[in-house]
PDB file of N, CA and C in Angstrom:
ATOM      1  N   MET A   1     -50.536 -69.724  26.534  1.00  0.00           N
ATOM      2  CA  MET A   1     -50.293 -70.975  25.578  1.00  0.00           C
ATOM      3  C   MET A   1     -50.899 -71.994  26.300  1.00  0.00           C
ATOM      4  N   ASP A   2     -51.672 -72.689  25.696  1.00  0.00           N
ATOM      5  CA  ASP A   2     -52.340 -74.148  26.191  1.00  0.00           C
ATOM      6  C   ASP A   2     -51.263 -75.028  26.680  1.00  0.00           C
ATOM      7  N   ALA A   3     -51.341 -75.650  27.752  1.00  0.00           N
ATOM      8  CA  ALA A   3     -50.408 -76.784  28.208  1.00  0.00           C
ATOM      9  C   ALA A   3     -50.098 -77.781  26.892  1.00  0.00           C
ATOM     10  N   LYS A   4     -51.078 -78.147  26.242  1.00  0.00           N
ATOM     11  CA  LYS A   4     -51.174 -78.905  25.002  1.00  0.00           C
ATOM     12  C   LYS A   4     -50.013 -78.437  23.986  1.00  0.00           C
ATOM     13  N   ASP A   5     -49.835 -77.199  23.908  1.00  0.00           N
ATOM     14  CA  ASP A   5     -48.969 -76.424  22.992  1.00  0.00           C
ATOM     15  C   ASP A   5     -47.728 -76.112  23.627  1.00  0.00           C
ATOM     16  N   GLU A   6     -47.261 -76.601  24.552  1.00  0.00           N
ATOM     17  CA  GLU A   6     -45.973 -76.449  25.144  1.00  0.00           C
ATOM     18  C   GLU A   6     -44.908 -76.562  24.254  1.00  0.00           C
ATOM     19  N   TRP A   7     -43.770 -75.771  24.240  1.00  0.00           N
ATOM     20  CA  TRP A   7     -42.656 -75.968  23.401  1.00  0.00           C
ATOM     21  C   TRP A   7     -41.716 -77.061  24.076  1.00  0.00           C
ATOM     22  N   LEU A   8     -41.281 -78.058  23.461  1.00  0.00           N
ATOM     23  CA  LEU A   8     -40.294 -79.015  23.961  1.00  0.00           C
ATOM     24  C   LEU A   8     -39.137 -78.866  23.233  1.00  0.00           C
ATOM     25  N   ASP A   9     -37.817 -79.082  24.057  1.00  0.00           N
ATOM     26  CA  ASP A   9     -36.616 -79.152  23.435  1.00  0.00           C
ATOM     27  C   ASP A   9     -36.333 -80.573  22.944  1.00  0.00           C
ATOM     28  N   LEU A  10     -35.179 -80.805  22.468  1.00  0.00           N
ATOM     29  CA  LEU A  10     -34.929 -82.184  21.979  1.00  0.00           C
ATOM     30  C   LEU A  10     -34.987 -83.227  23.016  1.00  0.00           C
ATOM     31  N   ASP A  11     -34.405 -83.090  24.047  1.00  0.00           N
ATOM     32  CA  ASP A  11     -34.533 -84.026  25.170  1.00  0.00           C
ATOM     33  C   ASP A  11     -35.856 -84.273  25.527  1.00  0.00           C
ATOM     34  N   GLU A  12     -36.731 -83.278  25.938  1.00  0.00           N
ATOM     35  CA  GLU A  12     -38.222 -83.379  26.194  1.00  0.00           C
ATOM     36  C   GLU A  12     -38.997 -84.190  25.166  1.00  0.00           C
ATOM     37  N   ALA A  13     -38.752 -83.849  23.753  1.00  0.00           N
ATOM     38  CA  ALA A  13     -39.470 -84.267  22.691  1.00  0.00           C
ATOM     39  C   ALA A  13     -39.147 -85.901  22.671  1.00  0.00           C
ATOM     40  N   ALA A  14     -37.887 -86.180  22.780  1.00  0.00           N
ATOM     41  CA  ALA A  14     -37.354 -87.525  22.447  1.00  0.00           C
ATOM     42  C   ALA A  14     -37.762 -88.444  23.805  1.00  0.00           C
ATOM     43  N   GLN A  15     -37.865 -88.031  24.870  1.00  0.00           N
ATOM     44  CA  GLN A  15     -38.516 -88.621  26.159  1.00  0.00           C
ATOM     45  C   GLN A  15     -40.047 -89.050  26.092  1.00  0.00           C
ATOM     46  N   MET A  16     -40.635 -87.941  25.378  1.00  0.00           N
ATOM     47  CA  MET A  16     -42.200 -87.816  25.229  1.00  0.00           C
ATOM     48  C   MET A  16     -42.399 -89.099  24.267  1.00  0.00           C
ATOM     49  N   MET A  17     -41.604 -89.082  23.290  1.00  0.00           N
ATOM     50  CA  MET A  17     -41.763 -90.165  22.200  1.00  0.00           C
ATOM     51  C   MET A  17     -41.102 -91.485  22.514  1.00  0.00           C
ATOM     52  N   HIS A  18     -40.436 -91.672  23.570  1.00  0.00           N
ATOM     53  CA  HIS A  18     -39.877 -92.771  23.855  1.00  0.00           C
ATOM     54  C   HIS A  18     -38.627 -93.187  22.790  1.00  0.00           C
ATOM     55  N   MET A  19     -37.838 -92.184  22.448  1.00  0.00           N
ATOM     56  CA  MET A  19     -36.854 -92.410  21.473  1.00  0.00           C
ATOM     57  C   MET A  19     -35.586 -91.759  21.918  1.00  0.00           C
ATOM     58  N   THR A  20     -34.464 -92.064  21.212  1.00  0.00           N
ATOM     59  CA  THR A  20     -33.231 -91.348  21.463  1.00  0.00           C
ATOM     60  C   THR A  20     -33.218 -90.083  20.668  1.00  0.00           C
ATOM     61  N   ARG A  21     -32.382 -89.230  21.067  1.00  0.00           N
ATOM     62  CA  ARG A  21     -32.067 -88.123  20.226  1.00  0.00           C
ATOM     63  C   ARG A  21     -31.525 -88.312  18.801  1.00  0.00           C
ATOM     64  N   ALA A  22     -30.875 -89.519  18.497  1.00  0.00           N
ATOM     65  CA  ALA A  22     -30.491 -89.881  17.385  1.00  0.00           C
ATOM     66  C   ALA A  22     -31.494 -90.244  16.492  1.00  0.00           C
ATOM     67  N   ALA A  23     -32.489 -90.982  17.030  1.00  0.00           N
ATOM     68  CA  ALA A  23     -33.541 -91.498  16.319  1.00  0.00           C
ATOM     69  C   ALA A  23     -34.487 -90.362  15.933  1.00  0.00           C
ATOM     70  N   LEU A  24     -34.563 -89.337  16.714  1.00  0.00           N
ATOM     71  CA  LEU A  24     -35.446 -88.234  16.489  1.00  0.00           C
ATOM     72  C   LEU A  24     -34.644 -87.277  15.312  1.00  0.00           C
ATOM     73  N   ALA A  25     -33.357 -87.249  15.432  1.00  0.00           N
ATOM     74  CA  ALA A  25     -32.502 -86.605  14.383  1.00  0.00           C
ATOM     75  C   ALA A  25     -32.798 -87.308  12.939  1.00  0.00           C
ATOM     76  N   GLN A  26     -32.777 -88.682  12.886  1.00  0.00           N
ATOM     77  CA  GLN A  26     -32.972 -89.371  11.636  1.00  0.00           C
ATOM     78  C   GLN A  26     -34.594 -89.073  11.032  1.00  0.00           C
ATOM     79  N   LEU A  27     -35.474 -88.847  11.941  1.00  0.00           N
ATOM     80  CA  LEU A  27     -36.795 -88.529  11.633  1.00  0.00           C
ATOM     81  C   LEU A  27     -36.755 -87.196  10.847  1.00  0.00           C
ATOM     82  N   ARG A  28     -36.043 -86.191  11.388  1.00  0.00           N
ATOM     83  CA  ARG A  28     -35.929 -84.922  10.888  1.00  0.00           C
ATOM     84  C   ARG A  28     -35.197 -85.058   9.574  1.00  0.00           C
ATOM     85  N   TYR A  29     -34.214 -85.779   9.472  1.00  0.00           N
ATOM     86  CA  TYR A  29     -33.373 -85.871   8.320  1.00  0.00           C
ATOM     87  C   TYR A  29     -34.228 -86.395   7.200  1.00  0.00           C
ATOM     88  N   ARG A  30     -35.034 -87.571   7.395  1.00  0.00           N
ATOM     89  CA  ARG A  30     -35.817 -88.326   6.557  1.00  0.00           C
ATOM     90  C   ARG A  30     -37.175 -87.506   6.142  1.00  0.00           C
ATOM     91  N   GLY A  31     -37.475 -86.817   7.033  1.00  0.00           N
ATOM     92  CA  GLY A  31     -38.973 -86.072   6.754  1.00  0.00           C
ATOM     93  C   GLY A  31     -40.157 -86.726   7.147  1.00  0.00           C
ATOM     94  N   GLY A  32     -39.896 -87.903   8.047  1.00  0.00           N
ATOM     95  CA  GLY A  32     -41.292 -88.693   8.387  1.00  0.00           C
ATOM     96  C   GLY A  32     -41.532 -88.415   9.746  1.00  0.00           C
ATOM     97  N   GLY A  33     -41.056 -87.529  10.667  1.00  0.00           N
ATOM     98  CA  GLY A  33     -41.433 -87.222  11.867  1.00  0.00           C
ATOM     99  C   GLY A  33     -42.443 -86.276  12.086  1.00  0.00           C
ATOM    100  N   PRO A  34     -42.611 -85.733  13.290  1.00  0.00           N
ATOM    101  CA  PRO A  34     -43.534 -84.637  13.724  1.00  0.00           C
ATOM    102  C   PRO A  34     -42.866 -83.266  13.193  1.00  0.00           C
ATOM    103  N   ILE A  35     -43.567 -82.368  12.907  1.00  0.00           N
ATOM    104  CA  ILE A  35     -43.390 -81.039  12.436  1.00  0.00           C
ATOM    105  C   ILE A  35     -42.238 -80.402  13.645  1.00  0.00           C
ATOM    106  N   PHE A  36     -41.207 -79.842  13.221  1.00  0.00           N
ATOM    107  CA  PHE A  36     -40.198 -79.101  14.058  1.00  0.00           C
ATOM    108  C   PHE A  36     -40.034 -77.803  13.728  1.00  0.00           C
ATOM    109  N   TYR A  37     -39.309 -77.201  14.584  1.00  0.00           N
ATOM    110  CA  TYR A  37     -39.086 -75.645  14.261  1.00  0.00           C
ATOM    111  C   TYR A  37     -37.663 -75.428  14.710  1.00  0.00           C
ATOM    112  N   ARG A  38     -36.996 -74.763  13.635  1.00  0.00           N
ATOM    113  CA  ARG A  38     -35.609 -74.591  13.822  1.00  0.00           C
ATOM    114  C   ARG A  38     -35.497 -73.063  14.028  1.00  0.00           C
ATOM    115  N   ILE A  39     -35.206 -72.826  15.414  1.00  0.00           N
ATOM    116  CA  ILE A  39     -35.283 -71.459  15.804  1.00  0.00           C
ATOM    117  C   ILE A  39     -33.882 -70.870  15.614  1.00  0.00           C
ATOM    118  N   SER A  40     -32.798 -71.679  15.664  1.00  0.00           N
ATOM    119  CA  SER A  40     -31.478 -71.140  15.252  1.00  0.00           C
ATOM    120  C   SER A  40     -30.813 -72.367  14.855  1.00  0.00           C
ATOM    121  N   ALA A  41     -29.395 -72.108  14.281  1.00  0.00           N
ATOM    122  CA  ALA A  41     -28.665 -73.448  13.689  1.00  0.00           C
ATOM    123  C   ALA A  41     -28.558 -74.393  14.656  1.00  0.00           C
ATOM    124  N   LYS A  42     -28.683 -74.297  16.018  1.00  0.00           N
ATOM    125  CA  LYS A  42     -28.476 -75.218  17.157  1.00  0.00           C
ATOM    126  C   LYS A  42     -29.753 -75.608  17.824  1.00  0.00           C
ATOM    127  N   THR A  43     -30.862 -74.811  17.651  1.00  0.00           N
ATOM    128  CA  THR A  43     -31.992 -74.985  18.590  1.00  0.00           C
ATOM    129  C   THR A  43     -33.275 -75.421  17.748  1.00  0.00           C
ATOM    130  N   ILE A  44     -33.558 -76.526  18.184  1.00  0.00           N
ATOM    131  CA  ILE A  44     -34.746 -77.084  17.414  1.00  0.00           C
ATOM    132  C   ILE A  44     -35.914 -77.409  18.605  1.00  0.00           C
ATOM    133  N   LEU A  45     -37.102 -77.012  18.326  1.00  0.00           N
ATOM    134  CA  LEU A  45     -37.973 -77.100  19.164  1.00  0.00           C
ATOM    135  C   LEU A  45     -39.207 -77.893  18.631  1.00  0.00           C
ATOM    136  N   TYR A  46     -40.114 -78.699  19.340  1.00  0.00           N
ATOM    137  CA  TYR A  46     -41.221 -79.191  18.853  1.00  0.00           C
ATOM    138  C   TYR A  46     -42.407 -78.681  19.662  1.00  0.00           C
ATOM    139  N   LYS A  47     -43.633 -78.779  19.286  1.00  0.00           N
ATOM    140  CA  LYS A  47     -44.820 -78.576  19.934  1.00  0.00           C
ATOM    141  C   LYS A  47     -45.443 -79.666  20.487  1.00  0.00           C
ATOM    142  N   ARG A  48     -45.813 -79.701  21.826  1.00  0.00           N
ATOM    143  CA  ARG A  48     -46.250 -80.844  22.255  1.00  0.00           C
ATOM    144  C   ARG A  48     -47.603 -81.428  21.459  1.00  0.00           C
ATOM    145  N   SER A  49     -48.448 -80.636  21.075  1.00  0.00           N
ATOM    146  CA  SER A  49     -49.501 -81.103  20.285  1.00  0.00           C
ATOM    147  C   SER A  49     -49.134 -81.518  18.915  1.00  0.00           C
ATOM    148  N   GLY A  50     -48.130 -80.942  18.471  1.00  0.00           N
ATOM    149  CA  GLY A  50     -47.681 -81.754  17.199  1.00  0.00           C
ATOM    150  C   GLY A  50     -47.207 -83.152  17.294  1.00  0.00           C
ATOM    151  N   ILE A  51     -46.434 -83.309  18.390  1.00  0.00           N
ATOM    152  CA  ILE A  51     -45.917 -84.762  18.607  1.00  0.00           C
ATOM    153  C   ILE A  51     -47.032 -85.688  18.954  1.00  0.00           C
ATOM    154  N   LEU A  52     -48.041 -85.150  19.660  1.00  0.00           N
ATOM    155  CA  LEU A  52     -49.230 -86.206  20.007  1.00  0.00           C
ATOM    156  C   LEU A  52     -49.972 -86.312  18.629  1.00  0.00           C
ATOM    157  N   GLU A  53     -50.113 -85.298  17.707  1.00  0.00           N
ATOM    158  CA  GLU A  53     -50.843 -85.479  16.555  1.00  0.00           C
ATOM    159  C   GLU A  53     -50.075 -86.581  15.611  1.00  0.00           C
ATOM    160  N   TRP A  54     -48.745 -86.462  15.614  1.00  0.00           N
ATOM    161  CA  TRP A  54     -47.824 -87.344  14.816  1.00  0.00           C
ATOM    162  C   TRP A  54     -48.021 -88.801  15.304  1.00  0.00           C
ATOM    163  N   MET A  55     -48.103 -88.820  16.701  1.00  0.00           N
ATOM    164  CA  MET A  55     -48.041 -90.182  17.337  1.00  0.00           C
ATOM    165  C   MET A  55     -49.333 -90.815  17.002  1.00  0.00           C
ATOM    166  N   GLU A  56     -50.470 -89.982  17.028  1.00  0.00           N
ATOM    167  CA  GLU A  56     -51.696 -90.618  16.873  1.00  0.00           C
ATOM    168  C   GLU A  56     -52.016 -90.945  15.235  1.00  0.00           C
ATOM    169  N   SER A  57     -51.167 -90.278  14.367  1.00  0.00           N
ATOM    170  CA  SER A  57     -51.311 -90.705  13.037  1.00  0.00           C
ATOM    171  C   SER A  57     -50.672 -91.956  12.723  1.00  0.00           C
ATOM    172  N   ARG A  58     -49.819 -92.544  13.667  1.00  0.00           N
ATOM    173  CA  ARG A  58     -48.980 -93.771  13.522  1.00  0.00           C
ATOM    174  C   ARG A  58     -49.991 -94.975  14.173  1.00  0.00           C
ATOM    175  N   ALA A  59     -51.078 -94.762  14.501  1.00  0.00           N
ATOM    176  CA  ALA A  59     -51.810 -95.727  15.182  1.00  0.00           C
ATOM    177  C   ALA A  59     -52.096 -96.868  14.526  1.00  0.00           C
ATOM    178  N   CYS A  60     -52.040 -98.114  14.771  1.00  0.00           N
ATOM    179  CA  CYS A  60     -52.336 -99.443  14.008  1.00  0.00           C
ATOM    180  C   CYS A  60     -53.222-100.145  14.606  1.00  0.00           C
ATOM    181  N   THR A  61     -53.994-101.189  13.962  1.00  0.00           N
ATOM    182  CA  THR A  61     -54.858-102.096  14.522  1.00  0.00           C
ATOM    183  C   THR A  61     -54.315-103.377  14.295  1.00  0.00           C
ATOM    184  N   ARG A  62     -53.412-103.476  13.455  1.00  0.00           N
ATOM    185  CA  ARG A  62     -52.857-104.918  12.996  1.00  0.00           C
ATOM    186  C   ARG A  62     -51.270-104.862  12.997  1.00  0.00           C
ATOM    187  N   THR A  63     -50.605-105.804  13.203  1.00  0.00           N
ATOM    188  CA  THR A  63     -49.236-105.837  13.019  1.00  0.00           C
ATOM    189  C   THR A  63     -48.668-105.608  11.703  1.00  0.00           C
ATOM    190  N   ASP A  64     -49.675-105.776  10.683  1.00  0.00           N
ATOM    191  CA  ASP A  64     -49.193-105.781   9.285  1.00  0.00           C
ATOM    192  C   ASP A  64     -49.683-104.385   8.673  1.00  0.00           C
ATOM    193  N   ASP A  65     -50.022-103.620   9.456  1.00  0.00           N
ATOM    194  CA  ASP A  65     -50.542-102.194   9.010  1.00  0.00           C
ATOM    195  C   ASP A  65     -49.337-101.532   8.531  1.00  0.00           C
ATOM    196  N   VAL A  66     -49.660-100.752   7.440  1.00  0.00           N
ATOM    197  CA  VAL A  66     -48.607 -99.927   6.598  1.00  0.00           C
ATOM    198  C   VAL A  66     -48.705 -98.591   7.275  1.00  0.00           C
ATOM    199  N   ILE A  67     -47.516 -97.996   7.632  1.00  0.00           N
ATOM    200  CA  ILE A  67     -47.393 -96.780   8.197  1.00  0.00           C
ATOM    201  C   ILE A  67     -47.041 -95.928   7.116  1.00  0.00           C
ATOM    202  N   THR A  68     -47.778 -94.959   7.068  1.00  0.00           N
ATOM    203  CA  THR A  68     -47.640 -93.895   5.744  1.00  0.00           C
ATOM    204  C   THR A  68     -46.653 -92.762   6.422  1.00  0.00           C
ATOM    205  N   GLY A  69     -46.279 -91.847   5.422  1.00  0.00           N
ATOM    206  CA  GLY A  69     -45.636 -90.515   5.871  1.00  0.00           C
ATOM    207  C   GLY A  69     -46.364 -89.664   6.937  1.00  0.00           C
ATOM    208  N   ARG A  70     -46.075 -88.455   6.935  1.00  0.00           N
ATOM    209  CA  ARG A  70     -46.854 -87.594   7.867  1.00  0.00           C
ATOM    210  C   ARG A  70     -48.221 -87.764   7.817  1.00  0.00           C
TER     211      ARG A  70
END
């Protein structure tokens, strides 16, 4: 597996995104965050490349830029 596609748990994903676990949970609930994988009832993983892609999609050039969904 390419290092870019490394699997990240909730703590690693939250740290990479400079968010709390609670903020990440809200993104999952609302459906506006990066794609995640529910491995079991209590295990959620993210791909590093998916997080980077999502973060890049949120890039702005002005403070009044409108951020759309995924």
